[in-house]
Amino acid sequence: MITHRVILVDNDHTVCVAMPEHAALQLIALHLRLDKEVPKLQHPPKLLRPVALCTATQWLDASTTHYDALTYVAMLLSSFTSLRDDTYPLIALCTEIRALLAQLEQWE
């Protein structure tokens, strides 16, 4: 199985998440949905933006943080479950993140 890498950024940080292709596409779609729904939350967590999907990378910047898929998605879930907000968007977003995490656990 070819490992894909989702590259995510914010203003001063780059993250690389390695995962199977179908999971990478789901992670990108999840991030796009999060980006749309997060403004509706009272105290939203800071989100990275997906900027690239690739199969091969040669890193020139040593400051890039690398994660496996399970670790990254578990951290993403933790950033949302720690919020003190019981609105529909948060509950729905946590459910979507948990679904991706469950799929990743099946693939490991």
Protein backbone atom coordinates (compact mmCIF):
# COMPACT_ATOMS: atom_id res chain seq x y z
CA MET A 1 0.00 0.00 0.00
CA ILE A 2 1.36 3.40 -0.97
CA THR A 3 1.56 5.87 1.88
CA HIS A 4 0.24 9.33 1.15
CA ARG A 5 1.15 12.45 3.04
CA VAL A 6 -1.23 15.24 3.85
CA ILE A 7 0.60 18.51 4.34
CA LEU A 8 -1.10 20.96 6.70
CA VAL A 9 0.00 24.47 7.63
CA ASP A 10 -0.83 27.49 9.71
CA ASN A 11 1.04 30.78 9.80
CA ASP A 12 4.23 29.42 11.31
CA HIS A 13 3.99 25.63 11.41
CA THR A 14 3.97 22.76 8.91
CA VAL A 15 2.68 19.27 9.71
CA CYS A 16 2.97 16.11 7.63
CA VAL A 17 0.55 13.23 8.30
CA ALA A 18 1.30 9.85 6.69
CA MET A 19 -1.66 7.58 5.89
CA PRO A 20 -3.30 5.41 3.20
CA GLU A 21 -4.71 7.33 0.22
CA HIS A 22 -8.40 6.83 1.05
CA ALA A 23 -7.82 8.04 4.61
CA ALA A 24 -5.83 11.02 3.33
CA LEU A 25 -8.73 12.10 1.15
CA GLN A 26 -11.10 11.71 4.10
CA LEU A 27 -8.80 13.78 6.33
CA ILE A 28 -8.72 16.58 3.76
CA ALA A 29 -12.52 16.51 3.45
CA LEU A 30 -12.83 16.52 7.25
CA HIS A 31 -10.54 19.54 7.53
CA LEU A 32 -12.57 21.41 4.91
CA ARG A 33 -15.74 20.68 6.89
CA LEU A 34 -14.08 21.69 10.16
CA ASP A 35 -12.96 24.94 8.57
CA LYS A 36 -16.56 25.66 7.58
CA GLU A 37 -18.12 24.75 10.96
CA VAL A 38 -15.51 25.96 13.47
CA PRO A 39 -16.53 29.64 13.25
CA LYS A 40 -19.91 28.61 14.72
CA LEU A 41 -18.23 27.47 17.97
CA GLN A 42 -17.80 29.77 20.95
CA HIS A 43 -14.11 28.98 21.53
CA PRO A 44 -12.83 27.16 18.46
CA PRO A 45 -9.50 25.35 18.47
CA LYS A 46 -6.79 26.52 16.10
CA LEU A 47 -6.92 24.50 12.89
CA LEU A 48 -4.26 23.72 10.34
CA ARG A 49 -5.12 24.08 6.65
CA PRO A 50 -4.52 21.20 4.25
CA VAL A 51 -2.37 22.47 1.38
CA ALA A 52 -1.03 19.35 -0.34
CA LEU A 53 -1.44 15.62 -0.83
CA CYS A 54 1.59 13.73 -2.08
CA THR A 55 3.21 10.31 -2.17
CA ALA A 56 6.85 11.35 -2.04
CA THR A 57 8.44 14.15 -0.13
CA GLN A 58 11.92 15.38 0.42
CA TRP A 59 11.95 17.72 3.39
CA LEU A 60 14.16 20.75 3.24
CA ASP A 61 12.82 22.27 6.44
CA ALA A 62 13.72 20.37 9.60
CA SER A 63 11.01 22.16 11.59
CA THR A 64 8.20 20.17 9.91
CA THR A 65 6.36 17.97 12.40
CA HIS A 66 5.59 14.43 11.25
CA TYR A 67 2.71 12.30 12.58
CA ASP A 68 1.19 8.96 11.76
CA ALA A 69 -2.53 9.09 11.00
CA LEU A 70 -3.76 7.65 14.30
CA THR A 71 -1.73 10.08 16.39
CA TYR A 72 -2.77 13.13 14.40
CA VAL A 73 -6.49 12.31 14.31
CA ALA A 74 -6.47 11.45 18.04
CA MET A 75 -4.87 14.85 18.74
CA LEU A 76 -7.46 16.53 16.52
CA LEU A 77 -10.26 14.78 18.42
CA SER A 78 -8.73 15.79 21.74
CA SER A 79 -8.62 19.44 20.70
CA PHE A 80 -12.38 19.33 20.06
CA THR A 81 -13.50 17.17 22.98
CA SER A 82 -11.71 19.50 25.40
CA LEU A 83 -14.00 22.38 24.40
CA ARG A 84 -16.77 23.41 26.77
CA ASP A 85 -19.50 23.70 24.20
CA ASP A 86 -22.55 21.48 23.77
CA THR A 87 -23.82 22.94 20.51
CA TYR A 88 -24.77 20.82 17.54
CA PRO A 89 -21.74 21.71 15.40
CA LEU A 90 -19.30 20.49 18.06
CA ILE A 91 -21.13 17.23 18.69
CA ALA A 92 -21.40 16.52 14.95
CA LEU A 93 -17.75 17.40 14.32
CA CYS A 94 -16.54 15.14 17.14
CA THR A 95 -18.65 12.32 15.71
CA GLU A 96 -17.02 12.76 12.29
CA ILE A 97 -13.53 12.82 13.78
CA ARG A 98 -14.30 9.68 15.84
CA ALA A 99 -15.54 7.92 12.69
CA LEU A 100 -12.27 8.63 10.87
CA LEU A 101 -10.29 7.52 13.93
CA ALA A 102 -12.24 4.23 14.05
CA GLN A 103 -11.51 3.62 10.37
CA LEU A 104 -7.81 4.30 10.91
CA GLU A 105 -7.75 1.83 13.80
CA GLN A 106 -9.21 -0.83 11.46
CA TRP A 107 -6.48 -0.17 8.87
CA GLU A 108 -3.57 -0.38 11.35
